Amino acid sequence: MKEKVVVVTGASGALGRVVVGAAIARGARVAAVDHSAPQSPDTPSQIAFGGVDLADAKQATATIDAIAARLGRIDVLVNIAGAFAFETVADGDTATWQRLYGINLLTALNASRACIPHLSQSSAGRIVNIGAMGALQATSGMGPYAASKAAVHRLTEALAAELKGKITVNAVLPSTIDTPANRASMPDADFSRWVTPTELADAILFLASDAASGITGALLPVAGRI
């Protein structure tokens, strides 16, 4: 990852912060994009782009073009921006489905589209998306989340086919991630069985690396110890 320019969306979240740190530790320059305001000043290794709604295609394109102009190029896009809601189909709200569709799918779609012209100029263009193990077979209460993440899986496969030979496109599919929010919502769970943000970051950055040049269209389960 040395000297590569890596764009990370959802960079202020529990997973995003770990991926940003791990990429910098591997020698990358990172553009940290998030809906919230930047939480720290820019450094030589990291610049922050806050207040960005990637579900808006125009904002996504303007932000990605600004990153490329400032850092000179883009080599890797990691689409982490996302959200979760537990809601049954029968008793739920259509607005929840629309919100998760926007945050989980449209952010990845718009950021990817905006990055394609820049990644195509890289000798090793990479897109890594975040899917979900829970989207492989939805259970009660997982309908809106699983549907939006299943759409990310299909986006990954379609883009991989479209961009084959130019840009690799893959997704990691985590089980429950060991974050403070998940521990708070499931206090009786066995946290030791969950996948850690560091384990997931390692898988993401492997798919973003030169070592993964032959892998595209993969949906890689990262299931911890379930």
C-alpha atoms as a PDB file:
ATOM      1  CA  MET A   1       0.000   0.000   0.000  1.00  0.00           C
ATOM      2  CA  LYS A   2       3.033   2.273   0.125  1.00  0.00           C
ATOM      3  CA  GLU A   3       2.329   5.666  -1.485  1.00  0.00           C
ATOM      4  CA  LYS A   4      -1.066   4.538  -2.779  1.00  0.00           C
ATOM      5  CA  VAL A   5      -3.977   6.955  -2.507  1.00  0.00           C
ATOM      6  CA  VAL A   6      -6.849   5.278  -0.684  1.00  0.00           C
ATOM      7  CA  VAL A   7     -10.354   6.741  -0.345  1.00  0.00           C
ATOM      8  CA  VAL A   8     -12.286   5.438   2.667  1.00  0.00           C
ATOM      9  CA  THR A   9     -15.968   6.303   3.037  1.00  0.00           C
ATOM     10  CA  GLY A  10     -17.644   6.088   6.421  1.00  0.00           C
ATOM     11  CA  ALA A  11     -14.211   6.937   7.764  1.00  0.00           C
ATOM     12  CA  SER A  12     -15.405   8.222  11.147  1.00  0.00           C
ATOM     13  CA  GLY A  13     -17.176   4.996  12.106  1.00  0.00           C
ATOM     14  CA  ALA A  14     -15.799   2.176  14.242  1.00  0.00           C
ATOM     15  CA  LEU A  15     -14.586   0.171  11.235  1.00  0.00           C
ATOM     16  CA  GLY A  16     -13.662   3.184   9.132  1.00  0.00           C
ATOM     17  CA  ARG A  17     -11.262   4.546  11.729  1.00  0.00           C
ATOM     18  CA  VAL A  18      -9.451   1.201  11.950  1.00  0.00           C
ATOM     19  CA  VAL A  19      -9.174   0.864   8.167  1.00  0.00           C
ATOM     20  CA  VAL A  20      -7.832   4.418   7.871  1.00  0.00           C
ATOM     21  CA  GLY A  21      -5.218   3.739  10.545  1.00  0.00           C
ATOM     22  CA  ALA A  22      -4.213   0.398   9.045  1.00  0.00           C
ATOM     23  CA  ALA A  23      -3.855   1.870   5.555  1.00  0.00           C
ATOM     24  CA  ILE A  24      -1.685   4.704   6.860  1.00  0.00           C
ATOM     25  CA  ALA A  25       0.436   2.195   8.791  1.00  0.00           C
ATOM     26  CA  ARG A  26       1.039   0.396   5.491  1.00  0.00           C
ATOM     27  CA  GLY A  27       2.298   3.609   3.877  1.00  0.00           C
ATOM     28  CA  ALA A  28      -0.845   4.800   2.103  1.00  0.00           C
ATOM     29  CA  ARG A  29      -2.147   8.337   1.820  1.00  0.00           C
ATOM     30  CA  VAL A  30      -5.801   8.338   2.863  1.00  0.00           C
ATOM     31  CA  ALA A  31      -8.742  10.555   1.998  1.00  0.00           C
ATOM     32  CA  ALA A  32     -11.224  10.037   4.833  1.00  0.00           C
ATOM     33  CA  VAL A  33     -14.790  10.767   3.693  1.00  0.00           C
ATOM     34  CA  ASP A  34     -17.744  10.900   6.053  1.00  0.00           C
ATOM     35  CA  HIS A  35     -21.205  12.404   6.477  1.00  0.00           C
ATOM     36  CA  SER A  36     -20.129  13.922   9.784  1.00  0.00           C
ATOM     37  CA  ALA A  37     -17.694  16.781  10.214  1.00  0.00           C
ATOM     38  CA  PRO A  38     -13.950  15.936  10.374  1.00  0.00           C
ATOM     39  CA  GLN A  39     -12.837  14.967  13.875  1.00  0.00           C
ATOM     40  CA  SER A  40      -9.122  15.728  13.440  1.00  0.00           C
ATOM     41  CA  PRO A  41      -6.940  18.079  11.380  1.00  0.00           C
ATOM     42  CA  ASP A  42      -5.367  17.046   8.103  1.00  0.00           C
ATOM     43  CA  THR A  43      -1.909  15.443   8.158  1.00  0.00           C
ATOM     44  CA  PRO A  44       0.533  14.492   5.383  1.00  0.00           C
ATOM     45  CA  SER A  45      -0.932  10.963   5.471  1.00  0.00           C
ATOM     46  CA  GLN A  46      -4.613  11.807   5.876  1.00  0.00           C
ATOM     47  CA  ILE A  47      -7.000  14.461   4.612  1.00  0.00           C
ATOM     48  CA  ALA A  48     -10.605  14.615   5.736  1.00  0.00           C
ATOM     49  CA  PHE A  49     -13.671  15.394   3.661  1.00  0.00           C
ATOM     50  CA  GLY A  50     -16.622  15.821   6.012  1.00  0.00           C
ATOM     51  CA  GLY A  51     -20.264  16.742   5.612  1.00  0.00           C
ATOM     52  CA  VAL A  52     -20.560  14.651   2.444  1.00  0.00           C
ATOM     53  CA  ASP A  53     -23.812  12.889   1.538  1.00  0.00           C
ATOM     54  CA  LEU A  54     -22.606  10.152  -0.798  1.00  0.00           C
ATOM     55  CA  ALA A  55     -26.205   9.095  -1.459  1.00  0.00           C
ATOM     56  CA  ASP A  56     -26.320  12.276  -3.544  1.00  0.00           C
ATOM     57  CA  ALA A  57     -24.563  11.539  -6.843  1.00  0.00           C
ATOM     58  CA  LYS A  58     -23.500  15.146  -7.433  1.00  0.00           C
ATOM     59  CA  GLN A  59     -21.916  15.433  -3.973  1.00  0.00           C
ATOM     60  CA  ALA A  60     -20.150  12.117  -4.459  1.00  0.00           C
ATOM     61  CA  THR A  61     -18.679  13.155  -7.798  1.00  0.00           C
ATOM     62  CA  ALA A  62     -17.601  16.576  -6.544  1.00  0.00           C
ATOM     63  CA  THR A  63     -15.898  15.037  -3.503  1.00  0.00           C
ATOM     64  CA  ILE A  64     -14.072  12.312  -5.432  1.00  0.00           C
ATOM     65  CA  ASP A  65     -12.887  14.794  -8.069  1.00  0.00           C
ATOM     66  CA  ALA A  66     -11.645  17.109  -5.312  1.00  0.00           C
ATOM     67  CA  ILE A  67      -9.693  14.241  -3.729  1.00  0.00           C
ATOM     68  CA  ALA A  68      -8.073  13.333  -7.042  1.00  0.00           C
ATOM     69  CA  ALA A  69      -7.167  16.960  -7.680  1.00  0.00           C
ATOM     70  CA  ARG A  70      -5.629  17.369  -4.233  1.00  0.00           C
ATOM     71  CA  LEU A  71      -3.758  14.048  -4.004  1.00  0.00           C
ATOM     72  CA  GLY A  72      -2.969  13.627  -7.679  1.00  0.00           C
ATOM     73  CA  ARG A  73      -4.701  10.313  -8.245  1.00  0.00           C
ATOM     74  CA  ILE A  74      -6.851   7.595  -6.658  1.00  0.00           C
ATOM     75  CA  ASP A  75      -5.726   3.964  -6.442  1.00  0.00           C
ATOM     76  CA  VAL A  76      -8.209   2.392  -4.032  1.00  0.00           C
ATOM     77  CA  LEU A  77     -11.805   3.004  -2.949  1.00  0.00           C
ATOM     78  CA  VAL A  78     -13.108   1.333   0.221  1.00  0.00           C
ATOM     79  CA  ASN A  79     -16.879   1.754   0.589  1.00  0.00           C
ATOM     80  CA  ILE A  80     -17.576   1.468   4.317  1.00  0.00           C
ATOM     81  CA  ALA A  81     -20.376   4.050   4.696  1.00  0.00           C
ATOM     82  CA  GLY A  82     -23.449   2.198   5.907  1.00  0.00           C
ATOM     83  CA  ALA A  83     -26.159   1.766   8.517  1.00  0.00           C
ATOM     84  CA  PHE A  84     -28.158  -0.954  10.272  1.00  0.00           C
ATOM     85  CA  ALA A  85     -31.737  -1.245  11.478  1.00  0.00           C
ATOM     86  CA  PHE A  86     -33.563  -4.208  12.995  1.00  0.00           C
ATOM     87  CA  GLU A  87     -37.179  -4.128  11.883  1.00  0.00           C
ATOM     88  CA  THR A  88     -39.734  -6.732  10.849  1.00  0.00           C
ATOM     89  CA  VAL A  89     -41.394  -6.466   7.468  1.00  0.00           C
ATOM     90  CA  ALA A  90     -44.925  -6.625   8.868  1.00  0.00           C
ATOM     91  CA  ASP A  91     -44.483  -3.985  11.554  1.00  0.00           C
ATOM     92  CA  GLY A  92     -41.784  -1.864   9.910  1.00  0.00           C
ATOM     93  CA  ASP A  93     -41.739   1.406   8.050  1.00  0.00           C
ATOM     94  CA  THR A  94     -41.073   1.823   4.335  1.00  0.00           C
ATOM     95  CA  ALA A  95     -38.876   4.780   5.255  1.00  0.00           C
ATOM     96  CA  THR A  96     -36.422   2.368   6.908  1.00  0.00           C
ATOM     97  CA  TRP A  97     -36.046   0.445   3.664  1.00  0.00           C
ATOM     98  CA  GLN A  98     -35.480   3.675   1.751  1.00  0.00           C
ATOM     99  CA  ARG A  99     -32.949   4.945   4.319  1.00  0.00           C
ATOM    100  CA  LEU A 100     -30.876   1.748   4.302  1.00  0.00           C
ATOM    101  CA  TYR A 101     -31.047   1.546   0.511  1.00  0.00           C
ATOM    102  CA  GLY A 102     -29.624   5.060   0.360  1.00  0.00           C
ATOM    103  CA  ILE A 103     -26.916   4.644   2.986  1.00  0.00           C
ATOM    104  CA  ASN A 104     -25.806   1.096   2.169  1.00  0.00           C
ATOM    105  CA  LEU A 105     -26.251   0.861  -1.596  1.00  0.00           C
ATOM    106  CA  LEU A 106     -26.388   4.354  -3.114  1.00  0.00           C
ATOM    107  CA  THR A 107     -23.294   5.557  -1.253  1.00  0.00           C
ATOM    108  CA  ALA A 108     -21.284   2.650  -2.672  1.00  0.00           C
ATOM    109  CA  LEU A 109     -22.811   3.064  -6.134  1.00  0.00           C
ATOM    110  CA  ASN A 110     -22.187   6.806  -6.345  1.00  0.00           C
ATOM    111  CA  ALA A 111     -18.671   6.697  -4.906  1.00  0.00           C
ATOM    112  CA  SER A 112     -17.737   3.835  -7.237  1.00  0.00           C
ATOM    113  CA  ARG A 113     -19.100   5.575 -10.325  1.00  0.00           C
ATOM    114  CA  ALA A 114     -17.277   8.765  -9.417  1.00  0.00           C
ATOM    115  CA  CYS A 115     -14.014   6.889  -8.835  1.00  0.00           C
ATOM    116  CA  ILE A 116     -14.012   4.781 -12.004  1.00  0.00           C
ATOM    117  CA  PRO A 117     -12.356   7.421 -14.249  1.00  0.00           C
ATOM    118  CA  HIS A 118      -9.613   7.963 -11.653  1.00  0.00           C
ATOM    119  CA  LEU A 119      -9.108   4.296 -10.762  1.00  0.00           C
ATOM    120  CA  SER A 120      -8.843   3.466 -14.465  1.00  0.00           C
ATOM    121  CA  GLN A 121      -5.686   5.571 -14.601  1.00  0.00           C
ATOM    122  CA  SER A 122      -4.081   3.624 -11.751  1.00  0.00           C
ATOM    123  CA  SER A 123      -1.871   0.631 -12.452  1.00  0.00           C
ATOM    124  CA  ALA A 124      -3.720  -1.235  -9.697  1.00  0.00           C
ATOM    125  CA  GLY A 125      -7.224   0.208  -9.295  1.00  0.00           C
ATOM    126  CA  ARG A 126      -9.252  -1.419  -6.532  1.00  0.00           C
ATOM    127  CA  ILE A 127     -12.793  -1.131  -5.145  1.00  0.00           C
ATOM    128  CA  VAL A 128     -13.656  -2.959  -1.920  1.00  0.00           C
ATOM    129  CA  ASN A 129     -17.254  -2.937  -0.685  1.00  0.00           C
ATOM    130  CA  ILE A 130     -18.765  -4.007   2.631  1.00  0.00           C
ATOM    131  CA  GLY A 131     -21.496  -6.595   2.267  1.00  0.00           C
ATOM    132  CA  ALA A 132     -22.865  -8.773   5.064  1.00  0.00           C
ATOM    133  CA  MET A 133     -23.084 -12.437   5.993  1.00  0.00           C
ATOM    134  CA  GLY A 134     -26.614 -11.647   7.141  1.00  0.00           C
ATOM    135  CA  ALA A 135     -27.569 -10.766   3.570  1.00  0.00           C
ATOM    136  CA  LEU A 136     -26.924 -14.312   2.337  1.00  0.00           C
ATOM    137  CA  GLN A 137     -30.028 -15.556   4.150  1.00  0.00           C
ATOM    138  CA  ALA A 138     -32.200 -13.010   5.927  1.00  0.00           C
ATOM    139  CA  THR A 139     -33.770 -13.826   9.268  1.00  0.00           C
ATOM    140  CA  SER A 140     -36.652 -12.177  11.118  1.00  0.00           C
ATOM    141  CA  GLY A 141     -36.064  -8.465  11.593  1.00  0.00           C
ATOM    142  CA  MET A 142     -33.239  -8.356   9.059  1.00  0.00           C
ATOM    143  CA  GLY A 143     -35.323  -7.636   5.947  1.00  0.00           C
ATOM    144  CA  PRO A 144     -34.404  -4.004   5.171  1.00  0.00           C
ATOM    145  CA  TYR A 145     -30.750  -4.408   6.115  1.00  0.00           C
ATOM    146  CA  ALA A 146     -30.296  -7.725   4.306  1.00  0.00           C
ATOM    147  CA  ALA A 147     -32.009  -6.430   1.177  1.00  0.00           C
ATOM    148  CA  SER A 148     -29.781  -3.360   0.983  1.00  0.00           C
ATOM    149  CA  LYS A 149     -26.608  -5.384   1.575  1.00  0.00           C
ATOM    150  CA  ALA A 150     -27.662  -8.049  -0.916  1.00  0.00           C
ATOM    151  CA  ALA A 151     -27.878  -5.202  -3.419  1.00  0.00           C
ATOM    152  CA  VAL A 152     -24.269  -4.325  -2.548  1.00  0.00           C
ATOM    153  CA  HIS A 153     -23.320  -7.926  -3.351  1.00  0.00           C
ATOM    154  CA  ARG A 154     -24.947  -7.701  -6.782  1.00  0.00           C
ATOM    155  CA  LEU A 155     -23.369  -4.274  -7.394  1.00  0.00           C
ATOM    156  CA  THR A 156     -19.977  -5.798  -6.610  1.00  0.00           C
ATOM    157  CA  GLU A 157     -20.470  -8.643  -9.080  1.00  0.00           C
ATOM    158  CA  ALA A 158     -21.827  -6.399 -11.839  1.00  0.00           C
ATOM    159  CA  LEU A 159     -19.016  -3.856 -11.496  1.00  0.00           C
ATOM    160  CA  ALA A 160     -16.400  -6.610 -11.412  1.00  0.00           C
ATOM    161  CA  ALA A 161     -17.714  -7.928 -14.723  1.00  0.00           C
ATOM    162  CA  GLU A 162     -17.894  -4.463 -16.288  1.00  0.00           C
ATOM    163  CA  LEU A 163     -14.411  -3.440 -15.168  1.00  0.00           C
ATOM    164  CA  LYS A 164     -12.573  -6.750 -15.553  1.00  0.00           C
ATOM    165  CA  GLY A 165      -9.002  -6.213 -16.678  1.00  0.00           C
ATOM    166  CA  LYS A 166      -9.079  -2.574 -15.537  1.00  0.00           C
ATOM    167  CA  ILE A 167     -10.194  -2.396 -11.888  1.00  0.00           C
ATOM    168  CA  THR A 168     -10.799  -5.203  -9.393  1.00  0.00           C
ATOM    169  CA  VAL A 169     -14.057  -5.057  -7.440  1.00  0.00           C
ATOM    170  CA  ASN A 170     -14.614  -7.251  -4.396  1.00  0.00           C
ATOM    171  CA  ALA A 171     -16.591  -7.255  -1.162  1.00  0.00           C
ATOM    172  CA  VAL A 172     -16.018  -8.518   2.343  1.00  0.00           C
ATOM    173  CA  LEU A 173     -18.985 -10.066   4.126  1.00  0.00           C
ATOM    174  CA  PRO A 174     -18.585  -9.709   7.895  1.00  0.00           C
ATOM    175  CA  SER A 175     -20.644 -11.419  10.531  1.00  0.00           C
ATOM    176  CA  THR A 176     -21.281  -9.328  13.646  1.00  0.00           C
ATOM    177  CA  ILE A 177     -18.450  -6.827  14.095  1.00  0.00           C
ATOM    178  CA  ASP A 178     -17.104  -6.304  17.610  1.00  0.00           C
ATOM    179  CA  THR A 179     -17.904  -2.619  18.090  1.00  0.00           C
ATOM    180  CA  PRO A 180     -19.068  -0.671  21.173  1.00  0.00           C
ATOM    181  CA  ALA A 181     -22.485  -0.142  19.556  1.00  0.00           C
ATOM    182  CA  ASN A 182     -22.980  -3.863  18.905  1.00  0.00           C
ATOM    183  CA  ARG A 183     -21.854  -4.764  22.418  1.00  0.00           C
ATOM    184  CA  ALA A 184     -24.350  -2.281  23.841  1.00  0.00           C
ATOM    185  CA  SER A 185     -27.221  -3.631  21.750  1.00  0.00           C
ATOM    186  CA  MET A 186     -26.370  -7.316  22.436  1.00  0.00           C
ATOM    187  CA  PRO A 187     -24.898  -7.328  25.963  1.00  0.00           C
ATOM    188  CA  ASP A 188     -25.469 -11.052  26.505  1.00  0.00           C
ATOM    189  CA  ALA A 189     -23.658 -12.178  23.349  1.00  0.00           C
ATOM    190  CA  ASP A 190     -20.295 -13.942  23.289  1.00  0.00           C
ATOM    191  CA  PHE A 191     -18.131 -11.095  21.974  1.00  0.00           C
ATOM    192  CA  SER A 192     -15.149 -13.412  21.533  1.00  0.00           C
ATOM    193  CA  ARG A 193     -16.917 -15.042  18.583  1.00  0.00           C
ATOM    194  CA  TRP A 194     -17.375 -11.803  16.665  1.00  0.00           C
ATOM    195  CA  VAL A 195     -15.019 -10.530  13.975  1.00  0.00           C
ATOM    196  CA  THR A 196     -12.864  -7.629  15.149  1.00  0.00           C
ATOM    197  CA  PRO A 197     -12.468  -4.395  13.162  1.00  0.00           C
ATOM    198  CA  THR A 198      -8.743  -5.165  12.845  1.00  0.00           C
ATOM    199  CA  GLU A 199      -9.422  -8.600  11.334  1.00  0.00           C
ATOM    200  CA  LEU A 200     -11.854  -7.061   8.896  1.00  0.00           C
ATOM    201  CA  ALA A 201      -9.441  -4.243   8.022  1.00  0.00           C
ATOM    202  CA  ASP A 202      -6.755  -6.824   7.238  1.00  0.00           C
ATOM    203  CA  ALA A 203      -9.113  -8.578   4.799  1.00  0.00           C
ATOM    204  CA  ILE A 204     -10.133  -5.284   3.186  1.00  0.00           C
ATOM    205  CA  LEU A 205      -6.555  -4.123   2.705  1.00  0.00           C
ATOM    206  CA  PHE A 206      -5.533  -7.504   1.327  1.00  0.00           C
ATOM    207  CA  LEU A 207      -8.174  -7.148  -1.400  1.00  0.00           C
ATOM    208  CA  ALA A 208      -6.888  -3.617  -1.996  1.00  0.00           C
ATOM    209  CA  SER A 209      -3.280  -4.790  -2.315  1.00  0.00           C
ATOM    210  CA  ASP A 210      -1.122  -5.876  -5.238  1.00  0.00           C
ATOM    211  CA  ALA A 211      -1.258  -9.436  -3.869  1.00  0.00           C
ATOM    212  CA  ALA A 212      -4.971  -9.583  -4.766  1.00  0.00           C
ATOM    213  CA  SER A 213      -4.507  -8.558  -8.404  1.00  0.00           C
ATOM    214  CA  GLY A 214      -6.040 -11.816  -9.630  1.00  0.00           C
ATOM    215  CA  ILE A 215      -9.184 -11.571  -7.489  1.00  0.00           C
ATOM    216  CA  THR A 216     -12.310  -9.792  -8.708  1.00  0.00           C
ATOM    217  CA  GLY A 217     -16.021 -10.346  -8.177  1.00  0.00           C
ATOM    218  CA  ALA A 218     -15.372 -12.149  -4.887  1.00  0.00           C
ATOM    219  CA  LEU A 219     -17.722 -12.001  -1.903  1.00  0.00           C
ATOM    220  CA  LEU A 220     -15.353 -12.913   0.909  1.00  0.00           C
ATOM    221  CA  PRO A 221     -16.921 -14.063   4.208  1.00  0.00           C
ATOM    222  CA  VAL A 222     -15.123 -12.709   7.266  1.00  0.00           C
ATOM    223  CA  ALA A 223     -17.031 -14.563   9.927  1.00  0.00           C
ATOM    224  CA  GLY A 224     -14.875 -14.405  13.030  1.00  0.00           C
ATOM    225  CA  ARG A 225     -15.430 -17.527  15.107  1.00  0.00           C
ATOM    226  CA  ILE A 226     -19.140 -18.204  14.565  1.00  0.00           C
END
